[in-house]
Amino acid sequence: MTTTYKNITLFIFLFVFGNLSAQENHSNHKINLKIPEVALINVYSNSAISLGNNTVVEAGQPLNIEETNNSVWINYSSIVGSQTQPGRDITLRISEGTIPDGVKLYVKVAEDMGAGAGTMGKPVSEIQELTANPLTIITDIGSSYTGVGANKGNNVQYTLKLSDEPNAFANLDFNQSSTLVINYTLSDN
């Protein structure tokens, strides 16, 4: 063989095998990534709340009706959709029972304790009178979680007070003692 044929043969050999080794071989597949919608609420307390346990200890003295309890904690987990459900609120209301004549029940919610992460809700800062009508107590909850149990999430303070209505003291009646059921709802806003 001549040198020219050797060079041509070498060139063809390198061209064919060079292209074979330089070819790319690949495939693909899809991965579906899903983030679920989450809307969970838990009201945590060590025991049932009892307000109005004060007694008169001396004849001629009034019954002091102003008592506060802050043993309730709201824990929640939330994943929202930025376009379909950009935020959530928490409301509460009396769903069973009635408040006795002569007294009023108030609620106030504290800031989140910082044990979780995300876009925490904003508590309504003022004290609100609790009735059978829903009260918004936390607004603008985004994708977040508070942690679980006491000292996590938002603290709820209940206060029982003598009503400011005329004759409130005269309207007190121990037969009207009542057990209330308070309903908390986490809903889209």
N, C-alpha and C. Protein backbone atom coordinates (compact mmCIF):
# COMPACT_ATOMS: atom_id res chain seq x y z
N MET A 1 0.82 -1.17 0.00
CA MET A 1 0.00 0.00 0.00
C MET A 1 0.86 1.23 0.00
N THR A 2 0.38 2.15 -0.69
CA THR A 2 1.12 3.38 -0.75
C THR A 2 0.75 4.25 0.43
N THR A 3 1.53 5.25 0.60
CA THR A 3 1.33 6.18 1.71
C THR A 3 0.01 6.91 1.57
N THR A 4 -0.37 7.24 0.38
CA THR A 4 -1.63 7.95 0.17
C THR A 4 -2.80 7.07 0.59
N TYR A 5 -2.77 5.78 0.18
CA TYR A 5 -3.85 4.89 0.57
C TYR A 5 -3.86 4.68 2.08
N LYS A 6 -2.68 4.60 2.68
CA LYS A 6 -2.61 4.44 4.13
C LYS A 6 -3.21 5.66 4.82
N ASN A 7 -2.88 6.83 4.32
CA ASN A 7 -3.43 8.06 4.92
C ASN A 7 -4.95 8.14 4.74
N ILE A 8 -5.42 7.75 3.55
CA ILE A 8 -6.87 7.78 3.30
C ILE A 8 -7.55 6.76 4.19
N THR A 9 -7.00 5.58 4.31
CA THR A 9 -7.57 4.54 5.16
C THR A 9 -7.56 4.99 6.61
N LEU A 10 -6.48 5.58 7.06
CA LEU A 10 -6.40 6.10 8.44
C LEU A 10 -7.43 7.21 8.65
N PHE A 11 -7.57 8.08 7.65
CA PHE A 11 -8.54 9.17 7.75
C PHE A 11 -9.97 8.62 7.85
N ILE A 12 -10.30 7.66 7.01
CA ILE A 12 -11.64 7.05 7.04
C ILE A 12 -11.85 6.32 8.36
N PHE A 13 -10.86 5.60 8.81
CA PHE A 13 -10.94 4.89 10.07
C PHE A 13 -11.20 5.86 11.23
N LEU A 14 -10.43 6.92 11.33
CA LEU A 14 -10.59 7.90 12.38
C LEU A 14 -11.94 8.63 12.26
N PHE A 15 -12.35 8.92 11.02
CA PHE A 15 -13.62 9.62 10.81
C PHE A 15 -14.81 8.76 11.28
N VAL A 16 -14.80 7.49 10.90
CA VAL A 16 -15.92 6.60 11.25
C VAL A 16 -15.92 6.32 12.75
N PHE A 17 -14.79 5.89 13.29
CA PHE A 17 -14.76 5.55 14.71
C PHE A 17 -14.75 6.78 15.60
N GLY A 18 -14.21 7.87 15.10
CA GLY A 18 -14.26 9.13 15.84
C GLY A 18 -15.69 9.62 15.98
N ASN A 19 -16.49 9.52 14.93
CA ASN A 19 -17.90 9.92 15.00
C ASN A 19 -18.69 8.98 15.89
N LEU A 20 -18.37 7.72 15.86
CA LEU A 20 -19.08 6.78 16.72
C LEU A 20 -18.84 7.08 18.20
N SER A 21 -17.64 7.40 18.55
CA SER A 21 -17.34 7.66 19.96
C SER A 21 -17.78 9.06 20.38
N ALA A 22 -17.97 9.98 19.43
CA ALA A 22 -18.36 11.34 19.77
C ALA A 22 -19.88 11.51 19.79
N GLN A 23 -20.63 10.51 19.38
CA GLN A 23 -22.08 10.62 19.39
C GLN A 23 -22.59 10.66 20.82
N GLU A 24 -23.63 11.47 21.04
CA GLU A 24 -24.23 11.57 22.37
C GLU A 24 -25.37 10.57 22.46
N ASN A 25 -25.48 9.97 23.61
CA ASN A 25 -26.54 9.01 23.86
C ASN A 25 -27.24 9.46 25.13
N HIS A 26 -28.50 9.91 25.05
CA HIS A 26 -29.21 10.38 26.23
C HIS A 26 -30.70 10.12 26.09
N SER A 27 -31.36 10.20 27.22
CA SER A 27 -32.80 10.02 27.29
C SER A 27 -33.31 10.94 28.38
N ASN A 28 -34.63 11.03 28.54
CA ASN A 28 -35.14 11.90 29.59
C ASN A 28 -36.45 11.35 30.15
N HIS A 29 -36.88 11.92 31.24
CA HIS A 29 -38.19 11.61 31.84
C HIS A 29 -38.65 12.84 32.59
N LYS A 30 -39.92 12.87 32.97
CA LYS A 30 -40.49 14.01 33.66
C LYS A 30 -40.61 13.71 35.15
N ILE A 31 -40.50 14.77 35.95
CA ILE A 31 -40.76 14.69 37.39
C ILE A 31 -41.84 15.72 37.69
N ASN A 32 -42.96 15.28 38.20
CA ASN A 32 -44.02 16.19 38.61
C ASN A 32 -43.79 16.60 40.06
N LEU A 33 -43.66 17.88 40.29
CA LEU A 33 -43.47 18.41 41.64
C LEU A 33 -44.79 19.00 42.11
N LYS A 34 -45.29 18.50 43.22
CA LYS A 34 -46.58 18.97 43.72
C LYS A 34 -46.41 19.47 45.15
N ILE A 35 -46.98 20.62 45.39
CA ILE A 35 -47.04 21.17 46.73
C ILE A 35 -48.51 21.14 47.14
N PRO A 36 -48.86 20.40 48.18
CA PRO A 36 -50.27 20.25 48.53
C PRO A 36 -50.82 21.49 49.22
N GLU A 37 -52.11 21.69 49.07
CA GLU A 37 -52.79 22.73 49.85
C GLU A 37 -52.95 22.20 51.27
N VAL A 38 -52.63 23.05 52.26
CA VAL A 38 -52.75 22.67 53.66
C VAL A 38 -53.51 23.76 54.40
N ALA A 39 -54.48 23.37 55.20
CA ALA A 39 -55.22 24.31 56.05
C ALA A 39 -55.65 23.56 57.30
N LEU A 40 -54.81 23.58 58.33
CA LEU A 40 -55.07 22.84 59.57
C LEU A 40 -54.98 23.79 60.77
N ILE A 41 -55.89 23.62 61.72
CA ILE A 41 -55.89 24.45 62.93
C ILE A 41 -56.10 23.53 64.13
N ASN A 42 -55.44 23.86 65.22
CA ASN A 42 -55.61 23.15 66.48
C ASN A 42 -55.65 24.19 67.60
N VAL A 43 -56.59 24.01 68.50
CA VAL A 43 -56.68 24.88 69.68
C VAL A 43 -56.18 24.06 70.85
N TYR A 44 -55.10 24.51 71.47
CA TYR A 44 -54.45 23.75 72.52
C TYR A 44 -54.69 24.41 73.88
N SER A 45 -55.11 23.58 74.83
CA SER A 45 -55.26 24.02 76.22
C SER A 45 -55.06 22.80 77.11
N ASN A 46 -54.44 23.00 78.26
CA ASN A 46 -54.22 21.88 79.18
C ASN A 46 -55.51 21.39 79.82
N SER A 47 -56.50 22.27 79.96
CA SER A 47 -57.75 21.88 80.60
C SER A 47 -58.85 22.84 80.19
N ALA A 48 -60.08 22.51 80.59
CA ALA A 48 -61.20 23.40 80.31
C ALA A 48 -61.00 24.71 81.07
N ILE A 49 -61.46 25.79 80.50
CA ILE A 49 -61.33 27.11 81.11
C ILE A 49 -62.53 27.35 81.99
N SER A 50 -62.28 27.91 83.16
CA SER A 50 -63.36 28.26 84.07
C SER A 50 -63.18 29.71 84.50
N LEU A 51 -64.16 30.54 84.19
CA LEU A 51 -64.13 31.95 84.57
C LEU A 51 -65.32 32.27 85.47
N GLY A 52 -65.15 33.22 86.38
CA GLY A 52 -66.22 33.62 87.28
C GLY A 52 -66.23 32.83 88.58
N ASN A 53 -65.07 32.41 89.01
CA ASN A 53 -64.97 31.60 90.23
C ASN A 53 -64.77 32.43 91.48
N ASN A 54 -64.76 33.74 91.36
CA ASN A 54 -64.55 34.60 92.52
C ASN A 54 -65.78 34.54 93.43
N THR A 55 -65.55 34.74 94.70
CA THR A 55 -66.66 34.79 95.65
C THR A 55 -66.52 36.05 96.50
N VAL A 56 -67.61 36.42 97.15
CA VAL A 56 -67.59 37.54 98.09
C VAL A 56 -67.16 36.97 99.44
N VAL A 57 -66.16 37.61 100.05
CA VAL A 57 -65.64 37.10 101.32
C VAL A 57 -66.11 37.91 102.53
N GLU A 58 -66.73 39.04 102.30
CA GLU A 58 -67.22 39.86 103.41
C GLU A 58 -68.57 40.45 103.04
N ALA A 59 -69.50 40.36 103.98
CA ALA A 59 -70.84 40.90 103.76
C ALA A 59 -70.75 42.38 103.41
N GLY A 60 -71.55 42.77 102.42
CA GLY A 60 -71.58 44.17 102.00
C GLY A 60 -70.63 44.47 100.85
N GLN A 61 -69.74 43.56 100.51
CA GLN A 61 -68.79 43.76 99.41
C GLN A 61 -69.40 43.23 98.11
N PRO A 62 -69.06 43.85 96.96
CA PRO A 62 -69.57 43.35 95.68
C PRO A 62 -68.77 42.14 95.22
N LEU A 63 -69.38 41.37 94.37
CA LEU A 63 -68.67 40.29 93.69
C LEU A 63 -67.78 40.93 92.63
N ASN A 64 -66.49 40.64 92.70
CA ASN A 64 -65.54 41.18 91.72
C ASN A 64 -65.60 40.31 90.47
N ILE A 65 -66.22 40.84 89.45
CA ILE A 65 -66.35 40.07 88.21
C ILE A 65 -65.39 40.66 87.18
N GLU A 66 -64.17 40.25 87.27
CA GLU A 66 -63.18 40.53 86.23
C GLU A 66 -62.10 39.48 86.39
N GLU A 67 -62.13 38.53 85.48
CA GLU A 67 -61.20 37.42 85.56
C GLU A 67 -60.67 37.13 84.16
N THR A 68 -59.38 36.80 84.10
CA THR A 68 -58.71 36.57 82.81
C THR A 68 -58.07 35.18 82.81
N ASN A 69 -58.09 34.55 81.63
CA ASN A 69 -57.42 33.27 81.43
C ASN A 69 -56.69 33.34 80.10
N ASN A 70 -55.42 32.94 80.11
CA ASN A 70 -54.65 32.92 78.86
C ASN A 70 -53.95 31.58 78.66
N SER A 71 -54.68 30.49 78.89
CA SER A 71 -54.10 29.15 78.77
C SER A 71 -54.36 28.50 77.41
N VAL A 72 -54.97 29.23 76.48
CA VAL A 72 -55.29 28.66 75.16
C VAL A 72 -54.27 29.14 74.12
N TRP A 73 -53.87 28.21 73.25
CA TRP A 73 -52.92 28.52 72.17
C TRP A 73 -53.50 28.05 70.85
N ILE A 74 -53.37 28.87 69.81
CA ILE A 74 -53.80 28.50 68.47
C ILE A 74 -52.57 28.06 67.69
N ASN A 75 -52.59 26.81 67.20
CA ASN A 75 -51.54 26.29 66.33
C ASN A 75 -52.15 26.07 64.95
N TYR A 76 -51.40 26.42 63.90
CA TYR A 76 -51.91 26.18 62.55
C TYR A 76 -50.78 25.85 61.59
N SER A 77 -51.15 25.15 60.52
CA SER A 77 -50.28 24.89 59.37
C SER A 77 -51.04 25.31 58.14
N SER A 78 -50.38 26.02 57.23
CA SER A 78 -51.07 26.56 56.06
C SER A 78 -50.12 26.60 54.87
N ILE A 79 -50.60 26.08 53.74
CA ILE A 79 -49.93 26.29 52.45
C ILE A 79 -51.00 26.89 51.54
N VAL A 80 -50.75 28.10 51.07
CA VAL A 80 -51.72 28.82 50.24
C VAL A 80 -51.28 28.84 48.79
N GLY A 81 -52.21 29.22 47.90
CA GLY A 81 -51.92 29.41 46.48
C GLY A 81 -51.89 30.90 46.20
N SER A 82 -50.81 31.40 45.65
CA SER A 82 -50.66 32.84 45.46
C SER A 82 -51.72 33.44 44.55
N GLN A 83 -52.26 32.65 43.65
CA GLN A 83 -53.27 33.19 42.73
C GLN A 83 -54.68 32.82 43.16
N THR A 84 -54.87 31.65 43.74
CA THR A 84 -56.23 31.20 44.05
C THR A 84 -56.64 31.47 45.49
N GLN A 85 -55.73 31.38 46.42
CA GLN A 85 -56.02 31.60 47.83
C GLN A 85 -54.81 32.25 48.49
N PRO A 86 -54.66 33.55 48.32
CA PRO A 86 -53.43 34.21 48.77
C PRO A 86 -53.27 34.31 50.28
N GLY A 87 -54.32 34.09 51.04
CA GLY A 87 -54.19 34.18 52.49
C GLY A 87 -55.39 33.59 53.19
N ARG A 88 -55.23 33.43 54.51
CA ARG A 88 -56.30 32.86 55.32
C ARG A 88 -56.49 33.69 56.58
N ASP A 89 -57.67 33.54 57.17
CA ASP A 89 -58.02 34.21 58.42
C ASP A 89 -58.48 33.16 59.42
N ILE A 90 -58.40 33.51 60.70
CA ILE A 90 -58.98 32.68 61.76
C ILE A 90 -60.07 33.50 62.43
N THR A 91 -61.24 32.88 62.54
CA THR A 91 -62.36 33.49 63.24
C THR A 91 -62.75 32.59 64.41
N LEU A 92 -63.45 33.18 65.37
CA LEU A 92 -64.03 32.38 66.44
C LEU A 92 -65.40 32.92 66.76
N ARG A 93 -66.22 32.06 67.35
CA ARG A 93 -67.57 32.44 67.74
C ARG A 93 -68.08 31.45 68.78
N ILE A 94 -69.11 31.85 69.49
CA ILE A 94 -69.77 30.94 70.42
C ILE A 94 -70.71 30.08 69.59
N SER A 95 -70.48 28.76 69.59
CA SER A 95 -71.34 27.88 68.81
C SER A 95 -72.39 27.17 69.68
N GLU A 96 -72.16 27.12 70.99
CA GLU A 96 -73.14 26.53 71.91
C GLU A 96 -73.08 27.29 73.23
N GLY A 97 -74.25 27.46 73.83
CA GLY A 97 -74.35 28.12 75.12
C GLY A 97 -74.60 29.62 74.98
N THR A 98 -74.92 30.26 76.09
CA THR A 98 -75.16 31.70 76.10
C THR A 98 -74.42 32.34 77.27
N ILE A 99 -74.04 33.57 77.08
CA ILE A 99 -73.37 34.32 78.14
C ILE A 99 -74.45 34.81 79.11
N PRO A 100 -74.25 34.60 80.41
CA PRO A 100 -75.25 35.03 81.39
C PRO A 100 -75.46 36.55 81.37
N ASP A 101 -76.68 36.95 81.75
CA ASP A 101 -77.00 38.38 81.85
C ASP A 101 -76.07 39.04 82.86
N GLY A 102 -75.72 40.27 82.60
CA GLY A 102 -74.92 41.05 83.53
C GLY A 102 -73.41 40.98 83.31
N VAL A 103 -72.95 40.06 82.46
CA VAL A 103 -71.51 39.94 82.20
C VAL A 103 -71.25 39.91 80.70
N LYS A 104 -70.02 40.19 80.33
CA LYS A 104 -69.57 40.10 78.94
C LYS A 104 -68.26 39.32 78.91
N LEU A 105 -68.05 38.63 77.80
CA LEU A 105 -66.83 37.85 77.61
C LEU A 105 -66.05 38.48 76.46
N TYR A 106 -64.77 38.73 76.71
CA TYR A 106 -63.91 39.38 75.72
C TYR A 106 -62.76 38.45 75.35
N VAL A 107 -62.21 38.68 74.16
CA VAL A 107 -61.09 37.88 73.67
C VAL A 107 -60.04 38.82 73.07
N LYS A 108 -58.78 38.45 73.27
CA LYS A 108 -57.66 39.16 72.66
C LYS A 108 -56.60 38.12 72.30
N VAL A 109 -55.99 38.29 71.12
CA VAL A 109 -55.00 37.33 70.63
C VAL A 109 -53.64 38.01 70.53
N ALA A 110 -52.60 37.32 71.01
CA ALA A 110 -51.23 37.85 71.00
C ALA A 110 -50.53 37.50 69.69
N GLU A 111 -49.40 38.13 69.47
CA GLU A 111 -48.54 37.85 68.31
C GLU A 111 -48.05 36.39 68.37
N ASP A 112 -47.70 35.85 67.21
CA ASP A 112 -47.13 34.51 67.11
C ASP A 112 -45.84 34.44 67.93
N MET A 113 -45.61 33.32 68.60
CA MET A 113 -44.45 33.16 69.49
C MET A 113 -43.13 32.91 68.75
N GLY A 114 -43.16 32.65 67.45
CA GLY A 114 -41.92 32.52 66.69
C GLY A 114 -41.30 31.14 66.67
N ALA A 115 -42.07 30.10 67.01
CA ALA A 115 -41.53 28.74 67.02
C ALA A 115 -41.62 28.07 65.66
N GLY A 116 -42.34 28.66 64.71
CA GLY A 116 -42.49 28.09 63.38
C GLY A 116 -41.77 28.93 62.34
N ALA A 117 -42.31 28.94 61.13
CA ALA A 117 -41.70 29.72 60.05
C ALA A 117 -42.75 30.01 58.99
N GLY A 118 -42.45 30.98 58.14
CA GLY A 118 -43.33 31.32 57.03
C GLY A 118 -43.98 32.68 57.23
N THR A 119 -45.07 32.90 56.51
CA THR A 119 -45.81 34.16 56.59
C THR A 119 -46.88 34.00 57.66
N MET A 120 -46.52 34.40 58.88
CA MET A 120 -47.42 34.25 60.01
C MET A 120 -48.56 35.26 59.91
N GLY A 121 -49.70 34.89 60.47
CA GLY A 121 -50.85 35.78 60.46
C GLY A 121 -50.67 36.96 61.41
N LYS A 122 -51.49 37.97 61.21
CA LYS A 122 -51.45 39.17 62.05
C LYS A 122 -52.66 39.15 62.98
N PRO A 123 -52.44 39.14 64.29
CA PRO A 123 -53.59 39.14 65.20
C PRO A 123 -54.29 40.50 65.20
N VAL A 124 -55.61 40.47 65.36
CA VAL A 124 -56.36 41.72 65.54
C VAL A 124 -55.98 42.22 66.91
N SER A 125 -55.48 43.43 67.00
CA SER A 125 -54.84 43.91 68.23
C SER A 125 -55.79 44.29 69.34
N GLU A 126 -57.02 44.69 69.02
CA GLU A 126 -57.89 45.16 70.08
C GLU A 126 -58.64 44.01 70.75
N ILE A 127 -59.10 44.28 71.95
CA ILE A 127 -59.95 43.35 72.68
C ILE A 127 -61.33 43.39 72.03
N GLN A 128 -61.90 42.22 71.77
CA GLN A 128 -63.20 42.14 71.11
C GLN A 128 -64.20 41.38 71.99
N GLU A 129 -65.45 41.80 71.93
CA GLU A 129 -66.49 41.10 72.69
C GLU A 129 -66.89 39.84 71.93
N LEU A 130 -66.92 38.73 72.65
CA LEU A 130 -67.24 37.44 72.07
C LEU A 130 -68.75 37.23 72.05
N THR A 131 -69.26 36.87 70.89
CA THR A 131 -70.70 36.63 70.71
C THR A 131 -70.86 35.41 69.80
N ALA A 132 -72.11 35.15 69.41
CA ALA A 132 -72.37 34.07 68.46
C ALA A 132 -71.98 34.46 67.04
N ASN A 133 -71.74 35.74 66.79
CA ASN A 133 -71.29 36.19 65.47
C ASN A 133 -69.78 35.98 65.34
N PRO A 134 -69.31 35.51 64.19
CA PRO A 134 -67.87 35.28 64.02
C PRO A 134 -67.05 36.56 64.17
N LEU A 135 -65.96 36.45 64.92
CA LEU A 135 -64.99 37.53 65.08
C LEU A 135 -63.70 37.13 64.39
N THR A 136 -63.17 37.99 63.56
CA THR A 136 -61.87 37.72 62.96
C THR A 136 -60.81 38.07 63.99
N ILE A 137 -59.96 37.09 64.33
CA ILE A 137 -58.94 37.32 65.35
C ILE A 137 -57.52 37.28 64.79
N ILE A 138 -57.31 36.62 63.64
CA ILE A 138 -56.00 36.60 62.97
C ILE A 138 -56.25 36.73 61.48
N THR A 139 -55.49 37.60 60.80
CA THR A 139 -55.65 37.82 59.37
C THR A 139 -54.35 37.55 58.62
N ASP A 140 -54.46 37.43 57.32
CA ASP A 140 -53.32 37.36 56.39
C ASP A 140 -52.33 36.23 56.68
N ILE A 141 -52.85 35.06 56.99
CA ILE A 141 -51.98 33.89 57.17
C ILE A 141 -51.56 33.41 55.79
N GLY A 142 -50.27 33.28 55.58
CA GLY A 142 -49.75 32.76 54.31
C GLY A 142 -49.29 31.32 54.50
N SER A 143 -48.32 30.91 53.72
CA SER A 143 -47.74 29.58 53.88
C SER A 143 -46.84 29.60 55.11
N SER A 144 -47.26 28.87 56.13
CA SER A 144 -46.55 28.93 57.41
C SER A 144 -46.96 27.79 58.33
N TYR A 145 -46.22 27.66 59.43
CA TYR A 145 -46.59 26.74 60.51
C TYR A 145 -46.14 27.37 61.82
N THR A 146 -46.84 27.07 62.91
CA THR A 146 -46.58 27.74 64.18
C THR A 146 -45.80 26.92 65.18
N GLY A 147 -45.69 25.62 64.99
CA GLY A 147 -45.21 24.74 66.04
C GLY A 147 -46.44 24.16 66.74
N VAL A 148 -46.22 23.15 67.57
CA VAL A 148 -47.33 22.41 68.18
C VAL A 148 -47.34 22.56 69.69
N GLY A 149 -48.51 22.88 70.25
CA GLY A 149 -48.70 22.87 71.69
C GLY A 149 -48.62 24.23 72.34
N ALA A 150 -48.51 24.20 73.67
CA ALA A 150 -48.45 25.44 74.46
C ALA A 150 -47.19 26.22 74.13
N ASN A 151 -47.27 27.52 74.25
CA ASN A 151 -46.17 28.44 73.98
C ASN A 151 -45.70 28.41 72.54
N LYS A 152 -46.58 27.95 71.65
CA LYS A 152 -46.32 27.94 70.21
C LYS A 152 -47.56 28.52 69.54
N GLY A 153 -47.39 29.28 68.50
CA GLY A 153 -48.53 29.89 67.83
C GLY A 153 -48.96 31.17 68.53
N ASN A 154 -50.25 31.40 68.57
CA ASN A 154 -50.81 32.63 69.15
C ASN A 154 -51.54 32.32 70.44
N ASN A 155 -51.25 33.10 71.47
CA ASN A 155 -51.93 32.95 72.75
C ASN A 155 -53.27 33.68 72.72
N VAL A 156 -54.30 33.04 73.28
CA VAL A 156 -55.64 33.61 73.33
C VAL A 156 -55.95 33.95 74.79
N GLN A 157 -56.38 35.18 75.00
CA GLN A 157 -56.74 35.63 76.35
C GLN A 157 -58.24 35.89 76.41
N TYR A 158 -58.91 35.20 77.32
CA TYR A 158 -60.33 35.44 77.57
C TYR A 158 -60.46 36.26 78.85
N THR A 159 -61.37 37.23 78.84
CA THR A 159 -61.63 38.04 80.04
C THR A 159 -63.14 38.14 80.24
N LEU A 160 -63.58 37.79 81.44
CA LEU A 160 -64.97 37.93 81.84
C LEU A 160 -65.08 39.19 82.69
N LYS A 161 -66.02 40.08 82.33
CA LYS A 161 -66.19 41.34 83.05
C LYS A 161 -67.67 41.60 83.30
N LEU A 162 -67.94 42.39 84.35
CA LEU A 162 -69.28 42.88 84.58
C LEU A 162 -69.64 43.78 83.41
N SER A 163 -70.84 43.63 82.89
CA SER A 163 -71.30 44.44 81.77
C SER A 163 -71.36 45.91 82.18
N ASP A 164 -71.20 46.79 81.20
CA ASP A 164 -71.31 48.22 81.47
C ASP A 164 -72.74 48.72 81.27
N GLU A 165 -73.66 47.82 81.04
CA GLU A 165 -75.07 48.19 80.86
C GLU A 165 -75.68 48.58 82.21
N PRO A 166 -76.70 49.45 82.20
CA PRO A 166 -77.37 49.81 83.46
C PRO A 166 -77.97 48.55 84.12
N ASN A 167 -77.92 48.51 85.42
CA ASN A 167 -78.46 47.39 86.21
C ASN A 167 -77.75 46.06 85.95
N ALA A 168 -76.52 46.09 85.49
CA ALA A 168 -75.79 44.86 85.20
C ALA A 168 -75.68 43.99 86.44
N PHE A 169 -75.36 44.59 87.57
CA PHE A 169 -75.20 43.80 88.79
C PHE A 169 -76.54 43.18 89.19
N ALA A 170 -77.63 43.93 89.03
CA ALA A 170 -78.96 43.41 89.37
C ALA A 170 -79.37 42.26 88.46
N ASN A 171 -78.80 42.19 87.26
CA ASN A 171 -79.15 41.12 86.31
C ASN A 171 -78.38 39.82 86.54
N LEU A 172 -77.39 39.82 87.45
CA LEU A 172 -76.64 38.60 87.72
C LEU A 172 -77.56 37.55 88.34
N ASP A 173 -77.44 36.31 87.86
CA ASP A 173 -78.31 35.22 88.29
C ASP A 173 -77.49 33.93 88.24
N PHE A 174 -77.25 33.33 89.42
CA PHE A 174 -76.41 32.15 89.42
C PHE A 174 -77.03 30.97 88.68
N ASN A 175 -78.33 30.98 88.45
CA ASN A 175 -78.97 29.93 87.65
C ASN A 175 -78.63 30.04 86.17
N GLN A 176 -78.05 31.16 85.76
CA GLN A 176 -77.65 31.32 84.35
C GLN A 176 -76.21 30.88 84.09
N SER A 177 -75.56 30.30 85.08
CA SER A 177 -74.21 29.78 84.83
C SER A 177 -74.27 28.89 83.59
N SER A 178 -73.28 28.97 82.76
CA SER A 178 -73.36 28.33 81.45
C SER A 178 -72.01 27.78 81.02
N THR A 179 -72.05 26.75 80.21
CA THR A 179 -70.86 26.24 79.54
C THR A 179 -70.95 26.64 78.08
N LEU A 180 -69.91 27.28 77.59
CA LEU A 180 -69.86 27.74 76.20
C LEU A 180 -68.95 26.83 75.38
N VAL A 181 -69.30 26.65 74.15
CA VAL A 181 -68.42 25.98 73.19
C VAL A 181 -67.96 27.05 72.20
N ILE A 182 -66.65 27.23 72.09
CA ILE A 182 -66.07 28.24 71.21
C ILE A 182 -65.55 27.53 69.97
N ASN A 183 -65.99 27.97 68.81
CA ASN A 183 -65.62 27.36 67.55
C ASN A 183 -64.58 28.25 66.84
N TYR A 184 -63.41 27.68 66.54
CA TYR A 184 -62.35 28.38 65.79
C TYR A 184 -62.39 27.87 64.34
N THR A 185 -62.28 28.79 63.38
CA THR A 185 -62.31 28.40 61.97
C THR A 185 -61.16 29.05 61.22
N LEU A 186 -60.40 28.25 60.48
CA LEU A 186 -59.36 28.74 59.58
C LEU A 186 -59.95 28.70 58.18
N SER A 187 -60.05 29.85 57.53
CA SER A 187 -60.71 29.89 56.21
C SER A 187 -59.95 30.81 55.26
N ASP A 188 -60.19 30.58 53.96
CA ASP A 188 -59.59 31.42 52.93
C ASP A 188 -60.20 32.80 52.99
N ASN A 189 -59.36 33.83 52.76
CA ASN A 189 -59.93 35.19 52.74
C ASN A 189 -60.00 35.72 51.33
